[in-house]
Amino acid sequence: MAQRARTTTSIHAAKTNLSRLIERATAGEDVIIAKGQTPVVRLVPIKPRKASRRFGAMRGRAKTTRAFFEPLAPDEIAAWEK
C-alpha cells in the first residue's frame, strides 16, 4: 500500500496558505495543522453525498381537481391494460 504524503503546518501558516493546503488535501495528501508542535487538526476533503429522496418533499405543491378522481373512459382503461 502506498504511503500518502504528509504536510504539517502551523496555524498561522495555514491561515496564510489555506487555498494551497485545500488543493493538496483534495489531491490526496495528508494535511495536518499544528498548534506549536502539537497536531490539532487534519484537513480532509469531503466526499460528495448522493442526493437522497425525502418522503413528503412535494407535500402541498401538487394540486388536483375533481376530474382526477373521476373514473377513466373505457378507451383510456383499455390503453393502460395493453
PDB file of N, CA and C in Angstrom:
ATOM      1  N   MET A   1       0.844  -1.177   0.000  1.00  0.00           N
ATOM      2  CA  MET A   1       0.000   0.000   0.000  1.00  0.00           C
ATOM      3  C   MET A   1       0.890   1.242   0.000  1.00  0.00           C
ATOM      4  N   ALA A   2       0.622   2.171  -0.868  1.00  0.00           N
ATOM      5  CA  ALA A   2       1.443   3.375  -0.996  1.00  0.00           C
ATOM      6  C   ALA A   2       1.222   4.317   0.184  1.00  0.00           C
ATOM      7  N   GLN A   3       2.296   4.908   0.648  1.00  0.00           N
ATOM      8  CA  GLN A   3       2.238   5.879   1.740  1.00  0.00           C
ATOM      9  C   GLN A   3       1.804   7.228   1.183  1.00  0.00           C
ATOM     10  N   ARG A   4       0.848   7.866   1.836  1.00  0.00           N
ATOM     11  CA  ARG A   4       0.410   9.203   1.428  1.00  0.00           C
ATOM     12  C   ARG A   4       1.388  10.237   1.952  1.00  0.00           C
ATOM     13  N   ALA A   5       1.623  11.260   1.137  1.00  0.00           N
ATOM     14  CA  ALA A   5       2.490  12.355   1.575  1.00  0.00           C
ATOM     15  C   ALA A   5       1.821  13.083   2.736  1.00  0.00           C
ATOM     16  N   ARG A   6       2.616  13.585   3.650  1.00  0.00           N
ATOM     17  CA  ARG A   6       2.071  14.263   4.825  1.00  0.00           C
ATOM     18  C   ARG A   6       2.708  15.641   4.952  1.00  0.00           C
ATOM     19  N   THR A   7       1.860  16.638   5.173  1.00  0.00           N
ATOM     20  CA  THR A   7       2.312  18.003   5.386  1.00  0.00           C
ATOM     21  C   THR A   7       1.818  18.460   6.748  1.00  0.00           C
ATOM     22  N   THR A   8       2.722  18.979   7.564  1.00  0.00           N
ATOM     23  CA  THR A   8       2.343  19.562   8.851  1.00  0.00           C
ATOM     24  C   THR A   8       2.686  21.040   8.792  1.00  0.00           C
ATOM     25  N   THR A   9       1.720  21.856   9.179  1.00  0.00           N
ATOM     26  CA  THR A   9       1.913  23.304   9.129  1.00  0.00           C
ATOM     27  C   THR A   9       1.337  23.954  10.377  1.00  0.00           C
ATOM     28  N   SER A  10       1.825  25.136  10.706  1.00  0.00           N
ATOM     29  CA  SER A  10       1.327  25.854  11.887  1.00  0.00           C
ATOM     30  C   SER A  10      -0.002  26.527  11.552  1.00  0.00           C
ATOM     31  N   ILE A  11      -0.721  26.928  12.566  1.00  0.00           N
ATOM     32  CA  ILE A  11      -1.999  27.606  12.369  1.00  0.00           C
ATOM     33  C   ILE A  11      -1.796  28.892  11.579  1.00  0.00           C
ATOM     34  N   HIS A  12      -0.779  29.655  11.912  1.00  0.00           N
ATOM     35  CA  HIS A  12      -0.505  30.913  11.211  1.00  0.00           C
ATOM     36  C   HIS A  12      -0.224  30.659   9.730  1.00  0.00           C
ATOM     37  N   ALA A  13       0.608  29.682   9.427  1.00  0.00           N
ATOM     38  CA  ALA A  13       0.927  29.360   8.033  1.00  0.00           C
ATOM     39  C   ALA A  13      -0.316  28.822   7.310  1.00  0.00           C
ATOM     40  N   ALA A  14      -1.171  28.085   8.025  1.00  0.00           N
ATOM     41  CA  ALA A  14      -2.390  27.551   7.415  1.00  0.00           C
ATOM     42  C   ALA A  14      -3.333  28.682   7.025  1.00  0.00           C
ATOM     43  N   LYS A  15      -3.425  29.715   7.871  1.00  0.00           N
ATOM     44  CA  LYS A  15      -4.266  30.871   7.530  1.00  0.00           C
ATOM     45  C   LYS A  15      -3.757  31.545   6.262  1.00  0.00           C
ATOM     46  N   THR A  16      -2.459  31.670   6.152  1.00  0.00           N
ATOM     47  CA  THR A  16      -1.853  32.340   5.013  1.00  0.00           C
ATOM     48  C   THR A  16      -1.973  31.524   3.731  1.00  0.00           C
ATOM     49  N   ASN A  17      -1.893  30.208   3.841  1.00  0.00           N
ATOM     50  CA  ASN A  17      -1.847  29.328   2.664  1.00  0.00           C
ATOM     51  C   ASN A  17      -3.031  28.378   2.569  1.00  0.00           C
ATOM     52  N   LEU A  18      -4.190  28.778   3.067  1.00  0.00           N
ATOM     53  CA  LEU A  18      -5.331  27.873   3.128  1.00  0.00           C
ATOM     54  C   LEU A  18      -5.722  27.314   1.756  1.00  0.00           C
ATOM     55  N   SER A  19      -5.780  28.150   0.739  1.00  0.00           N
ATOM     56  CA  SER A  19      -6.164  27.671  -0.598  1.00  0.00           C
ATOM     57  C   SER A  19      -5.217  26.582  -1.088  1.00  0.00           C
ATOM     58  N   ARG A  20      -3.925  26.783  -0.907  1.00  0.00           N
ATOM     59  CA  ARG A  20      -2.932  25.784  -1.339  1.00  0.00           C
ATOM     60  C   ARG A  20      -3.081  24.493  -0.547  1.00  0.00           C
ATOM     61  N   LEU A  21      -3.332  24.620   0.756  1.00  0.00           N
ATOM     62  CA  LEU A  21      -3.497  23.427   1.588  1.00  0.00           C
ATOM     63  C   LEU A  21      -4.749  22.644   1.189  1.00  0.00           C
ATOM     64  N   ILE A  22      -5.812  23.355   0.840  1.00  0.00           N
ATOM     65  CA  ILE A  22      -7.041  22.688   0.389  1.00  0.00           C
ATOM     66  C   ILE A  22      -6.766  21.924  -0.899  1.00  0.00           C
ATOM     67  N   GLU A  23      -6.048  22.526  -1.825  1.00  0.00           N
ATOM     68  CA  GLU A  23      -5.697  21.837  -3.075  1.00  0.00           C
ATOM     69  C   GLU A  23      -4.893  20.577  -2.799  1.00  0.00           C
ATOM     70  N   ARG A  24      -3.950  20.662  -1.883  1.00  0.00           N
ATOM     71  CA  ARG A  24      -3.132  19.492  -1.559  1.00  0.00           C
ATOM     72  C   ARG A  24      -3.971  18.393  -0.911  1.00  0.00           C
ATOM     73  N   ALA A  25      -4.885  18.786  -0.025  1.00  0.00           N
ATOM     74  CA  ALA A  25      -5.740  17.798   0.642  1.00  0.00           C
ATOM     75  C   ALA A  25      -6.665  17.110  -0.362  1.00  0.00           C
ATOM     76  N   THR A  26      -7.241  17.879  -1.288  1.00  0.00           N
ATOM     77  CA  THR A  26      -8.131  17.275  -2.285  1.00  0.00           C
ATOM     78  C   THR A  26      -7.360  16.400  -3.262  1.00  0.00           C
ATOM     79  N   ALA A  27      -6.048  16.615  -3.381  1.00  0.00           N
ATOM     80  CA  ALA A  27      -5.209  15.778  -4.238  1.00  0.00           C
ATOM     81  C   ALA A  27      -4.804  14.483  -3.522  1.00  0.00           C
ATOM     82  N   GLY A  28      -5.188  14.332  -2.257  1.00  0.00           N
ATOM     83  CA  GLY A  28      -4.915  13.097  -1.535  1.00  0.00           C
ATOM     84  C   GLY A  28      -3.819  13.181  -0.489  1.00  0.00           C
ATOM     85  N   GLU A  29      -3.241  14.337  -0.312  1.00  0.00           N
ATOM     86  CA  GLU A  29      -2.159  14.494   0.663  1.00  0.00           C
ATOM     87  C   GLU A  29      -2.744  14.691   2.058  1.00  0.00           C
ATOM     88  N   ASP A  30      -2.069  14.128   3.076  1.00  0.00           N
ATOM     89  CA  ASP A  30      -2.455  14.368   4.475  1.00  0.00           C
ATOM     90  C   ASP A  30      -1.979  15.760   4.860  1.00  0.00           C
ATOM     91  N   VAL A  31      -2.891  16.610   5.300  1.00  0.00           N
ATOM     92  CA  VAL A  31      -2.523  17.959   5.728  1.00  0.00           C
ATOM     93  C   VAL A  31      -2.892  18.089   7.199  1.00  0.00           C
ATOM     94  N   ILE A  32      -1.876  18.280   8.035  1.00  0.00           N
ATOM     95  CA  ILE A  32      -2.056  18.397   9.477  1.00  0.00           C
ATOM     96  C   ILE A  32      -1.760  19.839   9.875  1.00  0.00           C
ATOM     97  N   ILE A  33      -2.643  20.426  10.681  1.00  0.00           N
ATOM     98  CA  ILE A  33      -2.417  21.773  11.203  1.00  0.00           C
ATOM     99  C   ILE A  33      -2.090  21.622  12.687  1.00  0.00           C
ATOM    100  N   ALA A  34      -0.980  22.250  13.084  1.00  0.00           N
ATOM    101  CA  ALA A  34      -0.482  22.085  14.450  1.00  0.00           C
ATOM    102  C   ALA A  34      -0.458  23.406  15.204  1.00  0.00           C
ATOM    103  N   LYS A  35      -0.656  23.295  16.500  1.00  0.00           N
ATOM    104  CA  LYS A  35      -0.512  24.448  17.410  1.00  0.00           C
ATOM    105  C   LYS A  35       0.813  24.222  18.127  1.00  0.00           C
ATOM    106  N   GLY A  36       1.816  24.981  17.687  1.00  0.00           N
ATOM    107  CA  GLY A  36       3.168  24.724  18.182  1.00  0.00           C
ATOM    108  C   GLY A  36       3.643  23.411  17.581  1.00  0.00           C
ATOM    109  N   GLN A  37       4.027  22.472  18.438  1.00  0.00           N
ATOM    110  CA  GLN A  37       4.470  21.154  17.976  1.00  0.00           C
ATOM    111  C   GLN A  37       3.366  20.101  18.083  1.00  0.00           C
ATOM    112  N   THR A  38       2.188  20.512  18.573  1.00  0.00           N
ATOM    113  CA  THR A  38       1.097  19.564  18.798  1.00  0.00           C
ATOM    114  C   THR A  38       0.101  19.582  17.642  1.00  0.00           C
ATOM    115  N   PRO A  39      -0.057  18.468  16.927  1.00  0.00           N
ATOM    116  CA  PRO A  39      -1.062  18.412  15.855  1.00  0.00           C
ATOM    117  C   PRO A  39      -2.460  18.529  16.449  1.00  0.00           C
ATOM    118  N   VAL A  40      -3.296  19.378  15.861  1.00  0.00           N
ATOM    119  CA  VAL A  40      -4.648  19.568  16.391  1.00  0.00           C
ATOM    120  C   VAL A  40      -5.749  19.285  15.364  1.00  0.00           C
ATOM    121  N   VAL A  41      -5.448  19.431  14.066  1.00  0.00           N
ATOM    122  CA  VAL A  41      -6.487  19.277  13.050  1.00  0.00           C
ATOM    123  C   VAL A  41      -5.912  18.586  11.815  1.00  0.00           C
ATOM    124  N   ARG A  42      -6.720  17.727  11.191  1.00  0.00           N
ATOM    125  CA  ARG A  42      -6.353  17.136   9.913  1.00  0.00           C
ATOM    126  C   ARG A  42      -7.327  17.689   8.870  1.00  0.00           C
ATOM    127  N   LEU A  43      -6.785  18.226   7.789  1.00  0.00           N
ATOM    128  CA  LEU A  43      -7.588  18.777   6.701  1.00  0.00           C
ATOM    129  C   LEU A  43      -7.862  17.651   5.706  1.00  0.00           C
ATOM    130  N   VAL A  44      -9.142  17.319   5.520  1.00  0.00           N
ATOM    131  CA  VAL A  44      -9.515  16.230   4.604  1.00  0.00           C
ATOM    132  C   VAL A  44     -10.622  16.700   3.670  1.00  0.00           C
ATOM    133  N   PRO A  45     -10.647  16.202   2.434  1.00  0.00           N
ATOM    134  CA  PRO A  45     -11.719  16.582   1.515  1.00  0.00           C
ATOM    135  C   PRO A  45     -13.028  15.897   1.893  1.00  0.00           C
ATOM    136  N   ILE A  46     -14.118  16.524   1.545  1.00  0.00           N
ATOM    137  CA  ILE A  46     -15.444  15.948   1.789  1.00  0.00           C
ATOM    138  C   ILE A  46     -15.891  15.258   0.522  1.00  0.00           C
ATOM    139  N   LYS A  47     -16.323  14.022   0.660  1.00  0.00           N
ATOM    140  CA  LYS A  47     -16.828  13.281  -0.487  1.00  0.00           C
ATOM    141  C   LYS A  47     -18.240  13.773  -0.789  1.00  0.00           C
ATOM    142  N   PRO A  48     -18.556  13.987  -2.074  1.00  0.00           N
ATOM    143  CA  PRO A  48     -19.911  14.449  -2.399  1.00  0.00           C
ATOM    144  C   PRO A  48     -20.946  13.408  -1.980  1.00  0.00           C
ATOM    145  N   ARG A  49     -22.017  13.887  -1.381  1.00  0.00           N
ATOM    146  CA  ARG A  49     -23.079  12.985  -0.951  1.00  0.00           C
ATOM    147  C   ARG A  49     -24.057  12.754  -2.073  1.00  0.00           C
ATOM    148  N   LYS A  50     -24.526  11.532  -2.160  1.00  0.00           N
ATOM    149  CA  LYS A  50     -25.523  11.191  -3.151  1.00  0.00           C
ATOM    150  C   LYS A  50     -26.855  11.802  -2.714  1.00  0.00           C
ATOM    151  N   ALA A  51     -27.529  12.438  -3.659  1.00  0.00           N
ATOM    152  CA  ALA A  51     -28.816  13.056  -3.335  1.00  0.00           C
ATOM    153  C   ALA A  51     -29.787  11.980  -2.864  1.00  0.00           C
ATOM    154  N   SER A  52     -30.480  12.258  -1.792  1.00  0.00           N
ATOM    155  CA  SER A  52     -31.432  11.285  -1.273  1.00  0.00           C
ATOM    156  C   SER A  52     -32.850  11.828  -1.420  1.00  0.00           C
ATOM    157  N   ARG A  53     -33.763  10.911  -1.532  1.00  0.00           N
ATOM    158  CA  ARG A  53     -35.172  11.297  -1.626  1.00  0.00           C
ATOM    159  C   ARG A  53     -35.741  11.428  -0.223  1.00  0.00           C
ATOM    160  N   ARG A  54     -36.578  12.419  -0.050  1.00  0.00           N
ATOM    161  CA  ARG A  54     -37.190  12.645   1.257  1.00  0.00           C
ATOM    162  C   ARG A  54     -38.694  12.462   1.128  1.00  0.00           C
ATOM    163  N   PHE A  55     -39.270  11.589   1.930  1.00  0.00           N
ATOM    164  CA  PHE A  55     -40.699  11.325   1.888  1.00  0.00           C
ATOM    165  C   PHE A  55     -41.461  12.604   2.232  1.00  0.00           C
ATOM    166  N   GLY A  56     -42.435  12.954   1.403  1.00  0.00           N
ATOM    167  CA  GLY A  56     -43.266  14.119   1.650  1.00  0.00           C
ATOM    168  C   GLY A  56     -42.673  15.426   1.171  1.00  0.00           C
ATOM    169  N   ALA A  57     -41.613  15.381   0.391  1.00  0.00           N
ATOM    170  CA  ALA A  57     -40.948  16.608  -0.054  1.00  0.00           C
ATOM    171  C   ALA A  57     -41.853  17.471  -0.928  1.00  0.00           C
ATOM    172  N   MET A  58     -42.806  16.880  -1.625  1.00  0.00           N
ATOM    173  CA  MET A  58     -43.700  17.632  -2.512  1.00  0.00           C
ATOM    174  C   MET A  58     -45.044  17.963  -1.844  1.00  0.00           C
ATOM    175  N   ARG A  59     -45.168  17.679  -0.551  1.00  0.00           N
ATOM    176  CA  ARG A  59     -46.429  17.934   0.148  1.00  0.00           C
ATOM    177  C   ARG A  59     -46.832  19.401   0.002  1.00  0.00           C
ATOM    178  N   GLY A  60     -48.056  19.620  -0.450  1.00  0.00           N
ATOM    179  CA  GLY A  60     -48.578  20.968  -0.588  1.00  0.00           C
ATOM    180  C   GLY A  60     -48.218  21.645  -1.901  1.00  0.00           C
ATOM    181  N   ARG A  61     -47.422  21.005  -2.742  1.00  0.00           N
ATOM    182  CA  ARG A  61     -47.013  21.621  -4.006  1.00  0.00           C
ATOM    183  C   ARG A  61     -47.837  21.149  -5.200  1.00  0.00           C
ATOM    184  N   ALA A  62     -48.398  19.966  -5.131  1.00  0.00           N
ATOM    185  CA  ALA A  62     -49.181  19.432  -6.245  1.00  0.00           C
ATOM    186  C   ALA A  62     -50.670  19.633  -5.954  1.00  0.00           C
ATOM    187  N   LYS A  63     -51.385  20.075  -6.950  1.00  0.00           N
ATOM    188  CA  LYS A  63     -52.831  20.305  -6.797  1.00  0.00           C
ATOM    189  C   LYS A  63     -53.585  19.349  -7.727  1.00  0.00           C
ATOM    190  N   THR A  64     -54.717  18.858  -7.260  1.00  0.00           N
ATOM    191  CA  THR A  64     -55.571  18.005  -8.094  1.00  0.00           C
ATOM    192  C   THR A  64     -56.970  18.609  -8.128  1.00  0.00           C
ATOM    193  N   THR A  65     -57.656  18.336  -9.203  1.00  0.00           N
ATOM    194  CA  THR A  65     -59.048  18.781  -9.325  1.00  0.00           C
ATOM    195  C   THR A  65     -59.955  17.568  -9.150  1.00  0.00           C
ATOM    196  N   ARG A  66     -61.253  17.804  -9.142  1.00  0.00           N
ATOM    197  CA  ARG A  66     -62.209  16.703  -9.015  1.00  0.00           C
ATOM    198  C   ARG A  66     -62.079  15.710 -10.164  1.00  0.00           C
ATOM    199  N   ALA A  67     -61.689  16.197 -11.333  1.00  0.00           N
ATOM    200  CA  ALA A  67     -61.552  15.331 -12.505  1.00  0.00           C
ATOM    201  C   ALA A  67     -60.542  14.207 -12.260  1.00  0.00           C
ATOM    202  N   PHE A  68     -59.576  14.439 -11.385  1.00  0.00           N
ATOM    203  CA  PHE A  68     -58.577  13.415 -11.078  1.00  0.00           C
ATOM    204  C   PHE A  68     -59.230  12.157 -10.506  1.00  0.00           C
ATOM    205  N   PHE A  69     -60.314  12.348  -9.744  1.00  0.00           N
ATOM    206  CA  PHE A  69     -60.958  11.226  -9.067  1.00  0.00           C
ATOM    207  C   PHE A  69     -62.096  10.608  -9.882  1.00  0.00           C
ATOM    208  N   GLU A  70     -62.417  11.164 -11.020  1.00  0.00           N
ATOM    209  CA  GLU A  70     -63.462  10.619 -11.884  1.00  0.00           C
ATOM    210  C   GLU A  70     -62.970   9.334 -12.535  1.00  0.00           C
ATOM    211  N   PRO A  71     -63.873   8.384 -12.806  1.00  0.00           N
ATOM    212  CA  PRO A  71     -63.463   7.145 -13.477  1.00  0.00           C
ATOM    213  C   PRO A  71     -62.942   7.449 -14.888  1.00  0.00           C
ATOM    214  N   LEU A  72     -61.997   6.633 -15.338  1.00  0.00           N
ATOM    215  CA  LEU A  72     -61.449   6.794 -16.674  1.00  0.00           C
ATOM    216  C   LEU A  72     -62.446   6.298 -17.717  1.00  0.00           C
ATOM    217  N   ALA A  73     -62.365   6.882 -18.891  1.00  0.00           N
ATOM    218  CA  ALA A  73     -63.198   6.431 -20.010  1.00  0.00           C
ATOM    219  C   ALA A  73     -62.744   5.022 -20.406  1.00  0.00           C
ATOM    220  N   PRO A  74     -63.643   4.207 -20.939  1.00  0.00           N
ATOM    221  CA  PRO A  74     -63.302   2.825 -21.308  1.00  0.00           C
ATOM    222  C   PRO A  74     -62.094   2.740 -22.255  1.00  0.00           C
ATOM    223  N   ASP A  75     -61.991   3.656 -23.227  1.00  0.00           N
ATOM    224  CA  ASP A  75     -60.847   3.600 -24.144  1.00  0.00           C
ATOM    225  C   ASP A  75     -59.532   3.918 -23.414  1.00  0.00           C
ATOM    226  N   GLU A  76     -59.552   4.778 -22.370  1.00  0.00           N
ATOM    227  CA  GLU A  76     -58.358   5.056 -21.555  1.00  0.00           C
ATOM    228  C   GLU A  76     -57.948   3.816 -20.777  1.00  0.00           C
ATOM    229  N   ILE A  77     -58.914   3.141 -20.174  1.00  0.00           N
ATOM    230  CA  ILE A  77     -58.624   1.923 -19.413  1.00  0.00           C
ATOM    231  C   ILE A  77     -58.021   0.862 -20.344  1.00  0.00           C
ATOM    232  N   ALA A  78     -58.593   0.727 -21.533  1.00  0.00           N
ATOM    233  CA  ALA A  78     -58.068  -0.247 -22.497  1.00  0.00           C
ATOM    234  C   ALA A  78     -56.625   0.071 -22.870  1.00  0.00           C
ATOM    235  N   ALA A  79     -56.308   1.339 -23.017  1.00  0.00           N
ATOM    236  CA  ALA A  79     -54.944   1.739 -23.376  1.00  0.00           C
ATOM    237  C   ALA A  79     -53.951   1.373 -22.261  1.00  0.00           C
ATOM    238  N   TRP A  80     -54.378   1.471 -21.021  1.00  0.00           N
ATOM    239  CA  TRP A  80     -53.492   1.130 -19.901  1.00  0.00           C
ATOM    240  C   TRP A  80     -53.308  -0.389 -19.751  1.00  0.00           C
ATOM    241  N   GLU A  81     -54.293  -1.134 -20.174  1.00  0.00           N
ATOM    242  CA  GLU A  81     -54.244  -2.587 -20.000  1.00  0.00           C
ATOM    243  C   GLU A  81     -53.465  -3.308 -21.095  1.00  0.00           C
ATOM    244  N   LYS A  82     -53.029  -2.593 -22.113  1.00  0.00           N
ATOM    245  CA  LYS A  82     -52.281  -3.248 -23.207  1.00  0.00           C
ATOM    246  C   LYS A  82     -50.945  -3.688 -22.780  1.00  0.00           C
TER     247      LYS A  82
END
